[in-house]
N, C-alpha and C. Protein backbone atom coordinates (compact mmCIF):
# COMPACT_ATOMS: atom_id res chain seq x y z
N MET A 1 33.76 -19.62 -63.35
CA MET A 1 33.46 -18.51 -62.48
C MET A 1 34.48 -18.43 -61.33
N ARG A 2 34.78 -19.61 -60.74
CA ARG A 2 35.76 -19.62 -59.64
C ARG A 2 37.13 -19.13 -60.11
N LYS A 3 37.51 -19.56 -61.33
CA LYS A 3 38.81 -19.13 -61.87
C LYS A 3 38.85 -17.62 -62.02
N MET A 4 37.74 -17.04 -62.50
CA MET A 4 37.68 -15.60 -62.70
C MET A 4 37.79 -14.86 -61.38
N ILE A 5 37.12 -15.35 -60.35
CA ILE A 5 37.20 -14.73 -59.03
C ILE A 5 38.61 -14.84 -58.49
N LEU A 6 39.22 -16.02 -58.64
CA LEU A 6 40.60 -16.23 -58.16
C LEU A 6 41.58 -15.31 -58.88
N ILE A 7 41.43 -15.18 -60.19
CA ILE A 7 42.30 -14.28 -60.96
C ILE A 7 42.11 -12.84 -60.49
N SER A 8 40.87 -12.45 -60.26
CA SER A 8 40.59 -11.08 -59.79
C SER A 8 41.22 -10.83 -58.42
N ILE A 9 41.11 -11.79 -57.52
CA ILE A 9 41.70 -11.65 -56.18
C ILE A 9 43.21 -11.54 -56.28
N ILE A 10 43.83 -12.37 -57.10
CA ILE A 10 45.30 -12.32 -57.27
C ILE A 10 45.72 -10.98 -57.86
N ALA A 11 44.98 -10.48 -58.85
CA ALA A 11 45.32 -9.19 -59.46
C ALA A 11 45.22 -8.06 -58.44
N ILE A 12 44.17 -8.08 -57.61
CA ILE A 12 44.01 -7.04 -56.58
C ILE A 12 45.15 -7.13 -55.57
N PHE A 13 45.48 -8.35 -55.16
CA PHE A 13 46.56 -8.55 -54.19
C PHE A 13 47.89 -8.05 -54.74
N LEU A 14 48.20 -8.42 -55.98
CA LEU A 14 49.47 -7.99 -56.57
C LEU A 14 49.54 -6.48 -56.73
N SER A 15 48.45 -5.85 -57.12
CA SER A 15 48.48 -4.39 -57.27
C SER A 15 48.59 -3.71 -55.92
N ALA A 16 48.00 -4.29 -54.88
CA ALA A 16 48.10 -3.71 -53.54
C ALA A 16 49.49 -3.87 -52.97
N CYS A 17 50.17 -4.96 -53.31
CA CYS A 17 51.51 -5.22 -52.77
C CYS A 17 52.60 -4.51 -53.55
N GLY A 18 52.31 -4.02 -54.73
CA GLY A 18 53.33 -3.36 -55.53
C GLY A 18 53.77 -2.07 -54.87
N GLY A 19 55.06 -1.92 -54.61
CA GLY A 19 55.56 -0.72 -53.96
C GLY A 19 56.02 0.29 -54.98
N ALA A 20 56.31 1.47 -54.49
CA ALA A 20 56.84 2.52 -55.34
C ALA A 20 58.29 2.22 -55.64
N GLY A 21 58.65 2.20 -56.89
CA GLY A 21 60.03 1.91 -57.27
C GLY A 21 60.82 3.18 -57.42
N VAL A 22 62.11 3.04 -57.66
CA VAL A 22 62.96 4.20 -57.91
C VAL A 22 62.42 4.90 -59.15
N GLY A 23 62.25 6.18 -59.04
CA GLY A 23 61.72 6.96 -60.15
C GLY A 23 60.21 7.05 -60.15
N SER A 24 59.57 6.41 -59.20
CA SER A 24 58.12 6.48 -59.11
C SER A 24 57.71 7.87 -58.64
N SER A 25 56.58 8.34 -59.17
CA SER A 25 56.14 9.68 -58.79
C SER A 25 55.69 9.74 -57.33
N SER A 26 55.51 8.57 -56.69
CA SER A 26 55.12 8.61 -55.28
C SER A 26 56.34 8.69 -54.36
N SER A 27 57.55 8.61 -54.90
CA SER A 27 58.75 8.80 -54.09
C SER A 27 59.15 10.26 -54.17
N LYS A 28 58.63 11.04 -53.22
CA LYS A 28 58.90 12.47 -53.20
C LYS A 28 59.36 12.88 -51.81
N ILE A 29 60.26 13.84 -51.78
CA ILE A 29 60.76 14.34 -50.52
C ILE A 29 60.64 15.86 -50.52
N ASN A 30 59.95 16.39 -49.52
CA ASN A 30 59.83 17.84 -49.35
C ASN A 30 61.02 18.31 -48.53
N ILE A 31 61.68 19.33 -49.04
CA ILE A 31 62.91 19.83 -48.43
C ILE A 31 62.78 21.32 -48.17
N LYS A 32 63.18 21.71 -46.97
CA LYS A 32 63.26 23.14 -46.64
C LYS A 32 64.65 23.38 -46.05
N VAL A 33 65.49 24.05 -46.82
CA VAL A 33 66.83 24.42 -46.35
C VAL A 33 67.16 25.81 -46.88
N GLY A 34 67.89 26.58 -46.09
CA GLY A 34 68.29 27.91 -46.51
C GLY A 34 67.11 28.81 -46.83
N GLY A 35 65.98 28.62 -46.14
CA GLY A 35 64.80 29.45 -46.37
C GLY A 35 64.09 29.15 -47.68
N LYS A 36 64.46 28.06 -48.34
CA LYS A 36 63.88 27.71 -49.63
C LYS A 36 63.16 26.36 -49.53
N ASP A 37 61.93 26.31 -50.02
CA ASP A 37 61.16 25.07 -50.06
C ASP A 37 61.26 24.45 -51.45
N SER A 38 61.43 23.14 -51.49
CA SER A 38 61.42 22.45 -52.78
C SER A 38 60.92 21.01 -52.58
N THR A 39 60.48 20.42 -53.67
CA THR A 39 60.06 19.03 -53.64
C THR A 39 60.99 18.26 -54.57
N MET A 40 61.62 17.24 -54.03
CA MET A 40 62.54 16.41 -54.80
C MET A 40 61.80 15.14 -55.20
N GLU A 41 61.57 14.97 -56.51
CA GLU A 41 61.03 13.72 -57.01
C GLU A 41 62.21 12.78 -57.17
N VAL A 42 62.20 11.68 -56.46
CA VAL A 42 63.34 10.75 -56.49
C VAL A 42 63.35 10.00 -57.81
N LYS A 43 64.38 10.29 -58.64
CA LYS A 43 64.52 9.62 -59.93
C LYS A 43 65.50 8.47 -59.84
N SER A 44 66.44 8.55 -58.91
CA SER A 44 67.40 7.45 -58.74
C SER A 44 67.88 7.42 -57.30
N GLY A 45 68.25 6.23 -56.89
CA GLY A 45 68.75 6.06 -55.53
C GLY A 45 69.60 4.82 -55.44
N GLY A 46 70.62 4.89 -54.61
CA GLY A 46 71.52 3.75 -54.43
C GLY A 46 72.01 3.68 -53.00
N VAL A 47 72.58 2.55 -52.65
CA VAL A 47 73.05 2.30 -51.30
C VAL A 47 74.52 1.90 -51.34
N TYR A 48 75.27 2.41 -50.39
CA TYR A 48 76.66 1.99 -50.19
C TYR A 48 76.73 1.33 -48.81
N TYR A 49 77.22 0.09 -48.77
CA TYR A 49 77.34 -0.65 -47.51
C TYR A 49 78.67 -0.34 -46.83
N GLY A 50 78.62 -0.06 -45.53
CA GLY A 50 79.83 0.16 -44.75
C GLY A 50 79.60 -0.31 -43.32
N ASN A 51 80.62 -0.14 -42.48
CA ASN A 51 80.45 -0.46 -41.07
C ASN A 51 81.27 0.48 -40.21
N VAL A 52 80.99 0.46 -38.90
CA VAL A 52 81.69 1.26 -37.91
C VAL A 52 82.11 0.33 -36.79
N ILE A 53 83.35 0.47 -36.36
CA ILE A 53 83.82 -0.27 -35.19
C ILE A 53 84.20 0.76 -34.14
N SER A 54 83.46 0.76 -33.02
CA SER A 54 83.72 1.69 -31.92
C SER A 54 84.62 1.02 -30.89
N THR A 55 85.64 1.74 -30.49
CA THR A 55 86.55 1.19 -29.48
C THR A 55 86.62 2.13 -28.28
N SER A 56 86.71 1.55 -27.11
CA SER A 56 86.90 2.30 -25.87
C SER A 56 87.92 1.55 -25.03
N PRO A 57 88.84 2.27 -24.36
CA PRO A 57 89.85 1.59 -23.55
C PRO A 57 89.21 0.66 -22.51
N GLY A 58 89.70 -0.56 -22.46
CA GLY A 58 89.23 -1.52 -21.46
C GLY A 58 87.88 -2.15 -21.76
N LYS A 59 87.31 -1.85 -22.93
CA LYS A 59 86.02 -2.42 -23.30
C LYS A 59 86.14 -3.11 -24.65
N PRO A 60 85.29 -4.12 -24.88
CA PRO A 60 85.35 -4.78 -26.20
C PRO A 60 84.86 -3.84 -27.30
N SER A 61 85.42 -4.04 -28.49
CA SER A 61 84.99 -3.24 -29.65
C SER A 61 83.55 -3.58 -30.00
N ILE A 62 82.84 -2.59 -30.49
CA ILE A 62 81.44 -2.78 -30.90
C ILE A 62 81.36 -2.45 -32.39
N GLN A 63 80.77 -3.35 -33.15
CA GLN A 63 80.64 -3.16 -34.59
C GLN A 63 79.17 -3.03 -34.97
N THR A 64 78.88 -2.10 -35.87
CA THR A 64 77.55 -1.94 -36.44
C THR A 64 77.68 -1.62 -37.92
N PHE A 65 76.63 -1.94 -38.70
CA PHE A 65 76.67 -1.50 -40.09
C PHE A 65 76.50 0.00 -40.13
N SER A 66 77.04 0.62 -41.15
CA SER A 66 76.88 2.05 -41.38
C SER A 66 76.63 2.23 -42.87
N HIS A 67 75.36 2.08 -43.27
CA HIS A 67 74.98 2.12 -44.68
C HIS A 67 74.55 3.53 -45.08
N SER A 68 74.91 3.90 -46.29
CA SER A 68 74.57 5.22 -46.83
C SER A 68 73.56 5.07 -47.96
N ILE A 69 72.47 5.83 -47.87
CA ILE A 69 71.44 5.85 -48.91
C ILE A 69 71.58 7.17 -49.64
N TYR A 70 71.82 7.11 -50.95
CA TYR A 70 71.93 8.31 -51.79
C TYR A 70 70.68 8.40 -52.65
N LEU A 71 70.03 9.55 -52.64
CA LEU A 71 68.82 9.78 -53.42
C LEU A 71 69.01 11.04 -54.26
N ALA A 72 68.51 11.03 -55.49
CA ALA A 72 68.70 12.19 -56.37
C ALA A 72 67.48 12.42 -57.24
N ASN A 73 67.32 13.66 -57.67
CA ASN A 73 66.24 14.00 -58.59
C ASN A 73 66.72 13.99 -60.03
N TYR A 74 67.83 13.32 -60.29
CA TYR A 74 68.40 13.16 -61.63
C TYR A 74 68.89 11.71 -61.73
N GLU A 75 69.25 11.28 -62.91
CA GLU A 75 69.76 9.92 -63.09
C GLU A 75 71.19 9.84 -62.57
N MET A 76 71.35 9.22 -61.42
CA MET A 76 72.63 9.11 -60.74
C MET A 76 73.24 7.74 -61.03
N ASP A 77 74.53 7.69 -61.23
CA ASP A 77 75.24 6.42 -61.41
C ASP A 77 75.36 5.78 -60.03
N THR A 78 74.69 4.68 -59.79
CA THR A 78 74.65 4.03 -58.48
C THR A 78 75.67 2.90 -58.34
N THR A 79 76.70 2.91 -59.17
CA THR A 79 77.71 1.84 -59.14
C THR A 79 78.40 1.72 -57.80
N ASN A 80 78.80 2.85 -57.21
CA ASN A 80 79.50 2.84 -55.91
C ASN A 80 79.39 4.23 -55.27
N ALA A 81 79.95 4.37 -54.07
CA ALA A 81 79.85 5.65 -53.35
C ALA A 81 80.48 6.80 -54.13
N ALA A 82 81.60 6.56 -54.78
CA ALA A 82 82.27 7.63 -55.52
C ALA A 82 81.41 8.14 -56.67
N THR A 83 80.77 7.23 -57.40
CA THR A 83 79.94 7.68 -58.52
C THR A 83 78.67 8.36 -58.04
N MET A 84 78.17 7.95 -56.87
CA MET A 84 76.96 8.59 -56.35
C MET A 84 77.26 9.98 -55.80
N LYS A 85 78.52 10.25 -55.47
CA LYS A 85 78.92 11.57 -54.94
C LYS A 85 79.49 12.49 -56.01
N LYS A 86 79.35 12.13 -57.29
CA LYS A 86 79.87 12.99 -58.35
C LYS A 86 79.27 14.39 -58.24
N ALA A 87 80.05 15.37 -58.61
CA ALA A 87 79.62 16.77 -58.50
C ALA A 87 78.34 17.04 -59.28
N LEU A 88 77.48 17.84 -58.69
CA LEU A 88 76.26 18.27 -59.38
C LEU A 88 76.64 19.27 -60.46
N THR A 89 75.84 19.32 -61.52
CA THR A 89 76.21 20.18 -62.65
C THR A 89 75.09 21.09 -63.14
N ALA A 90 73.91 21.01 -62.54
CA ALA A 90 72.79 21.84 -63.02
C ALA A 90 72.01 22.40 -61.84
N PRO A 91 71.46 23.61 -61.99
CA PRO A 91 70.78 24.28 -60.88
C PRO A 91 69.62 23.50 -60.26
N GLU A 92 68.93 22.69 -61.03
CA GLU A 92 67.79 21.97 -60.47
C GLU A 92 68.17 20.66 -59.76
N GLN A 93 69.43 20.27 -59.82
CA GLN A 93 69.84 18.99 -59.23
C GLN A 93 69.92 19.05 -57.70
N ILE A 94 69.40 17.98 -57.07
CA ILE A 94 69.44 17.84 -55.61
C ILE A 94 69.83 16.40 -55.29
N ARG A 95 70.70 16.24 -54.31
CA ARG A 95 71.08 14.91 -53.83
C ARG A 95 70.93 14.88 -52.31
N LEU A 96 70.36 13.82 -51.80
CA LEU A 96 70.18 13.63 -50.37
C LEU A 96 70.97 12.41 -49.94
N LEU A 97 71.71 12.54 -48.86
CA LEU A 97 72.45 11.42 -48.26
C LEU A 97 71.86 11.15 -46.89
N ILE A 98 71.47 9.90 -46.66
CA ILE A 98 70.97 9.45 -45.36
C ILE A 98 71.88 8.33 -44.90
N GLY A 99 72.54 8.52 -43.76
CA GLY A 99 73.40 7.48 -43.19
C GLY A 99 72.72 6.83 -42.01
N LEU A 100 72.67 5.50 -42.01
CA LEU A 100 72.04 4.76 -40.92
C LEU A 100 73.01 3.77 -40.31
N GLN A 101 73.01 3.67 -38.97
CA GLN A 101 73.78 2.67 -38.25
C GLN A 101 72.82 1.63 -37.70
N GLY A 102 73.22 0.36 -37.78
CA GLY A 102 72.35 -0.74 -37.38
C GLY A 102 72.53 -1.17 -35.94
N GLU A 103 72.12 -2.39 -35.68
CA GLU A 103 72.19 -2.97 -34.34
C GLU A 103 73.61 -3.44 -34.04
N GLU A 104 73.90 -3.63 -32.78
CA GLU A 104 75.19 -4.16 -32.36
C GLU A 104 75.42 -5.52 -33.01
N GLY A 105 76.64 -5.71 -33.53
CA GLY A 105 77.01 -6.98 -34.14
C GLY A 105 76.76 -7.05 -35.63
N THR A 106 76.10 -6.03 -36.21
CA THR A 106 75.92 -6.01 -37.65
C THR A 106 77.20 -5.54 -38.30
N LYS A 107 77.37 -5.84 -39.58
CA LYS A 107 78.61 -5.47 -40.26
C LYS A 107 78.34 -5.01 -41.68
N THR A 108 79.39 -4.80 -42.44
CA THR A 108 79.27 -4.22 -43.78
C THR A 108 78.22 -4.90 -44.64
N ASP A 109 78.20 -6.22 -44.67
CA ASP A 109 77.26 -6.90 -45.56
C ASP A 109 75.92 -7.23 -44.89
N SER A 110 75.67 -6.72 -43.69
CA SER A 110 74.38 -6.94 -43.04
C SER A 110 73.30 -6.14 -43.76
N PRO A 111 72.18 -6.78 -44.05
CA PRO A 111 71.11 -6.07 -44.75
C PRO A 111 70.37 -5.11 -43.82
N PHE A 112 69.67 -4.16 -44.44
CA PHE A 112 68.77 -3.30 -43.68
C PHE A 112 67.68 -4.17 -43.08
N LYS A 113 67.14 -3.73 -41.95
CA LYS A 113 65.97 -4.37 -41.37
C LYS A 113 64.85 -3.35 -41.33
N VAL A 114 63.62 -3.81 -41.53
CA VAL A 114 62.48 -2.93 -41.38
C VAL A 114 62.48 -2.44 -39.93
N GLY A 115 62.37 -1.14 -39.75
CA GLY A 115 62.39 -0.58 -38.41
C GLY A 115 62.64 0.91 -38.44
N THR A 116 62.79 1.50 -37.25
CA THR A 116 62.95 2.94 -37.10
C THR A 116 64.35 3.27 -36.61
N TYR A 117 64.96 4.24 -37.26
CA TYR A 117 66.28 4.76 -36.90
C TYR A 117 66.06 6.21 -36.48
N THR A 118 66.57 6.61 -35.31
CA THR A 118 66.30 7.96 -34.80
C THR A 118 67.56 8.80 -34.73
N LEU A 119 67.37 10.11 -34.68
CA LEU A 119 68.49 11.02 -34.52
C LEU A 119 68.97 11.05 -33.08
N LYS A 120 68.12 10.71 -32.14
CA LYS A 120 68.47 10.79 -30.73
C LYS A 120 69.13 9.52 -30.19
N ALA A 121 69.16 8.44 -30.98
CA ALA A 121 69.79 7.21 -30.52
C ALA A 121 71.28 7.46 -30.31
N GLU A 122 71.86 6.81 -29.30
CA GLU A 122 73.27 7.04 -29.00
C GLU A 122 74.21 6.23 -29.89
N ARG A 123 73.91 4.93 -30.08
CA ARG A 123 74.83 4.10 -30.85
C ARG A 123 74.17 3.24 -31.90
N PHE A 124 73.00 2.68 -31.59
CA PHE A 124 72.41 1.69 -32.47
C PHE A 124 71.09 2.19 -33.04
N ASN A 125 70.76 1.65 -34.23
CA ASN A 125 69.53 2.06 -34.93
C ASN A 125 69.44 3.58 -34.97
N LYS A 126 70.50 4.17 -35.46
CA LYS A 126 70.70 5.62 -35.40
C LYS A 126 70.79 6.22 -36.80
N VAL A 127 70.27 7.42 -36.94
CA VAL A 127 70.50 8.23 -38.14
C VAL A 127 71.82 8.96 -37.90
N SER A 128 72.85 8.59 -38.64
CA SER A 128 74.18 9.15 -38.41
C SER A 128 74.51 10.33 -39.33
N VAL A 129 73.83 10.42 -40.47
CA VAL A 129 74.10 11.51 -41.43
C VAL A 129 72.80 11.88 -42.13
N VAL A 130 72.56 13.18 -42.26
CA VAL A 130 71.52 13.71 -43.16
C VAL A 130 72.16 14.92 -43.83
N MET A 131 72.32 14.83 -45.16
CA MET A 131 73.02 15.89 -45.89
C MET A 131 72.32 16.15 -47.23
N ILE A 132 72.02 17.41 -47.48
CA ILE A 132 71.41 17.83 -48.74
C ILE A 132 72.46 18.58 -49.55
N THR A 133 72.61 18.19 -50.81
CA THR A 133 73.52 18.89 -51.71
C THR A 133 72.70 19.48 -52.85
N THR A 134 72.87 20.78 -53.07
CA THR A 134 72.17 21.47 -54.15
C THR A 134 73.20 22.19 -55.01
N PHE A 135 72.77 22.74 -56.14
CA PHE A 135 73.66 23.45 -57.05
C PHE A 135 73.08 24.83 -57.29
N ALA A 136 73.86 25.86 -56.96
CA ALA A 136 73.41 27.24 -57.17
C ALA A 136 74.62 28.14 -57.42
N ASP A 137 74.44 29.15 -58.22
CA ASP A 137 75.50 30.11 -58.54
C ASP A 137 76.77 29.42 -59.03
N GLY A 138 76.60 28.36 -59.81
CA GLY A 138 77.74 27.68 -60.42
C GLY A 138 78.52 26.76 -59.50
N LYS A 139 78.00 26.48 -58.30
CA LYS A 139 78.73 25.59 -57.39
C LYS A 139 77.79 24.79 -56.50
N GLU A 140 78.35 23.73 -55.94
CA GLU A 140 77.58 22.91 -55.01
C GLU A 140 77.47 23.59 -53.66
N LYS A 141 76.33 23.35 -53.00
CA LYS A 141 76.14 23.83 -51.63
C LYS A 141 75.62 22.66 -50.82
N THR A 142 76.22 22.44 -49.64
CA THR A 142 75.83 21.33 -48.79
C THR A 142 75.26 21.84 -47.48
N ASP A 143 74.13 21.27 -47.07
CA ASP A 143 73.52 21.56 -45.79
C ASP A 143 73.45 20.26 -44.99
N ASP A 144 74.11 20.25 -43.83
CA ASP A 144 74.11 19.08 -42.96
C ASP A 144 73.15 19.28 -41.80
N PHE A 145 72.59 18.20 -41.31
CA PHE A 145 71.86 18.21 -40.06
C PHE A 145 72.84 17.74 -39.00
N ASP A 146 72.81 18.34 -37.82
CA ASP A 146 73.72 17.94 -36.74
C ASP A 146 73.20 16.64 -36.13
N THR A 147 73.83 15.54 -36.51
CA THR A 147 73.42 14.23 -36.03
C THR A 147 74.38 13.67 -34.99
N MET A 148 75.46 14.37 -34.71
CA MET A 148 76.50 13.82 -33.84
C MET A 148 76.60 14.49 -32.47
N SER A 149 76.31 15.76 -32.38
CA SER A 149 76.50 16.51 -31.13
C SER A 149 75.42 16.19 -30.11
N SER A 150 75.81 16.09 -28.86
CA SER A 150 74.83 15.88 -27.79
C SER A 150 73.96 17.13 -27.58
N MET A 151 74.42 18.26 -28.10
CA MET A 151 73.67 19.52 -27.99
C MET A 151 72.78 19.77 -29.22
N SER A 152 72.73 18.79 -30.11
CA SER A 152 71.98 18.94 -31.36
C SER A 152 70.50 19.21 -31.11
N LYS A 153 69.95 20.08 -31.93
CA LYS A 153 68.51 20.38 -31.90
C LYS A 153 67.77 19.57 -32.97
N ALA A 154 68.51 18.75 -33.71
CA ALA A 154 67.89 17.93 -34.77
C ALA A 154 67.01 16.86 -34.14
N GLU A 155 65.85 16.66 -34.75
CA GLU A 155 64.90 15.67 -34.26
C GLU A 155 64.33 14.92 -35.45
N GLY A 156 63.81 13.72 -35.16
CA GLY A 156 63.12 12.97 -36.19
C GLY A 156 63.65 11.57 -36.36
N GLU A 157 63.26 10.98 -37.49
CA GLU A 157 63.58 9.58 -37.70
C GLU A 157 63.53 9.21 -39.17
N VAL A 158 64.11 8.06 -39.45
CA VAL A 158 64.00 7.42 -40.75
C VAL A 158 63.43 6.05 -40.49
N LYS A 159 62.35 5.72 -41.19
CA LYS A 159 61.75 4.39 -41.06
C LYS A 159 62.04 3.60 -42.32
N ILE A 160 62.60 2.42 -42.16
CA ILE A 160 62.74 1.50 -43.27
C ILE A 160 61.45 0.70 -43.29
N THR A 161 60.69 0.82 -44.38
CA THR A 161 59.37 0.20 -44.45
C THR A 161 59.35 -1.09 -45.25
N ALA A 162 60.33 -1.29 -46.14
CA ALA A 162 60.38 -2.51 -46.94
C ALA A 162 61.80 -2.76 -47.42
N VAL A 163 62.19 -4.02 -47.43
CA VAL A 163 63.49 -4.43 -47.96
C VAL A 163 63.25 -5.65 -48.85
N THR A 164 63.69 -5.55 -50.11
CA THR A 164 63.59 -6.68 -51.02
C THR A 164 65.00 -7.13 -51.38
N ALA A 165 65.12 -8.06 -52.29
CA ALA A 165 66.44 -8.55 -52.71
C ALA A 165 67.26 -7.46 -53.40
N ASP A 166 66.56 -6.46 -54.00
CA ASP A 166 67.32 -5.45 -54.75
C ASP A 166 67.00 -4.00 -54.39
N SER A 167 66.14 -3.76 -53.38
CA SER A 167 65.86 -2.36 -53.03
C SER A 167 65.47 -2.21 -51.56
N VAL A 168 65.57 -0.97 -51.10
CA VAL A 168 65.13 -0.60 -49.76
C VAL A 168 64.21 0.61 -49.90
N SER A 169 63.11 0.61 -49.15
CA SER A 169 62.16 1.72 -49.19
C SER A 169 61.94 2.25 -47.78
N GLY A 170 61.62 3.52 -47.70
CA GLY A 170 61.40 4.08 -46.38
C GLY A 170 60.79 5.46 -46.40
N GLU A 171 60.75 6.04 -45.20
CA GLU A 171 60.23 7.39 -44.99
C GLU A 171 61.23 8.16 -44.15
N ILE A 172 61.40 9.43 -44.47
CA ILE A 172 62.26 10.30 -43.68
C ILE A 172 61.43 11.46 -43.17
N ASN A 173 61.66 11.83 -41.92
CA ASN A 173 60.99 12.99 -41.32
C ASN A 173 61.94 13.56 -40.27
N VAL A 174 62.77 14.51 -40.69
CA VAL A 174 63.75 15.12 -39.78
C VAL A 174 63.65 16.64 -39.84
N THR A 175 63.94 17.27 -38.71
CA THR A 175 63.87 18.73 -38.59
C THR A 175 65.02 19.22 -37.73
N GLU A 176 65.58 20.34 -38.10
CA GLU A 176 66.57 21.03 -37.27
C GLU A 176 66.42 22.53 -37.53
N GLY A 177 65.88 23.24 -36.55
CA GLY A 177 65.64 24.67 -36.73
C GLY A 177 64.71 24.91 -37.90
N ASP A 178 65.18 25.68 -38.90
CA ASP A 178 64.34 25.97 -40.06
C ASP A 178 64.55 24.99 -41.21
N LYS A 179 65.30 23.90 -40.95
CA LYS A 179 65.54 22.88 -41.98
C LYS A 179 64.62 21.69 -41.74
N THR A 180 64.01 21.20 -42.83
CA THR A 180 63.11 20.05 -42.73
C THR A 180 63.27 19.17 -43.97
N ILE A 181 63.23 17.86 -43.74
CA ILE A 181 63.21 16.89 -44.84
C ILE A 181 62.14 15.87 -44.49
N LYS A 182 61.18 15.72 -45.40
CA LYS A 182 60.07 14.79 -45.12
C LYS A 182 59.58 14.19 -46.42
N GLY A 183 59.47 12.85 -46.44
CA GLY A 183 58.93 12.19 -47.63
C GLY A 183 59.26 10.72 -47.66
N THR A 184 59.05 10.12 -48.83
CA THR A 184 59.27 8.69 -49.02
C THR A 184 60.34 8.46 -50.08
N PHE A 185 60.96 7.29 -50.04
CA PHE A 185 62.03 6.98 -50.98
C PHE A 185 62.14 5.49 -51.23
N THR A 186 62.80 5.17 -52.33
CA THR A 186 63.23 3.80 -52.65
C THR A 186 64.60 3.92 -53.29
N ALA A 187 65.52 3.04 -52.90
CA ALA A 187 66.88 3.04 -53.45
C ALA A 187 67.30 1.61 -53.76
N LYS A 188 68.13 1.48 -54.82
CA LYS A 188 68.66 0.17 -55.19
C LYS A 188 69.72 -0.28 -54.20
N LEU A 189 69.71 -1.57 -53.90
CA LEU A 189 70.76 -2.15 -53.07
C LEU A 189 71.91 -2.57 -53.96
N PRO A 190 73.14 -2.62 -53.40
CA PRO A 190 74.29 -3.07 -54.21
C PRO A 190 74.09 -4.49 -54.69
N LYS A 191 74.63 -4.78 -55.86
CA LYS A 191 74.55 -6.15 -56.39
C LYS A 191 75.49 -7.04 -55.60
N LYS A 192 75.05 -8.26 -55.37
CA LYS A 192 75.87 -9.22 -54.60
C LYS A 192 76.89 -9.87 -55.49
């Protein structure tokens, strides 16, 4: 009897801890751009690791990671940044790029940390890029959120909710004027 109870508790715990993987139906992002509403079911996602070194005269250089999360509603080749940016070829295809900058002193191979990245942050724990790419009338169309200007009306955040050895999961909720992106995601991390 004790073994059965223990097995039941372990099964409940494991099912409760199981997160949504890439391609899971619970990884969905609602997008409103160009007056059009759509829901992107995330079928594939990948990460490209990078960094930024900021320099100012008379001050020490500051380095932070600058990682890019690519999410798509189609099977995307997640080998590297170039393959994740391949041109879209079908009207229903959507790709989302989320760029995040980390804390001071982080670098290219620094992992994501669970936490919140905002559009209003000046240098650290910042959302540096939000870009939606769609395909219409035989060509790609890109919509950017203004994440760099001090006059930007863009608001919101990206929360990293879980990081494992091979994936990162989170939530995005950003708005700029009539553009909105809101939902959950999971993306594969680069192989070490």
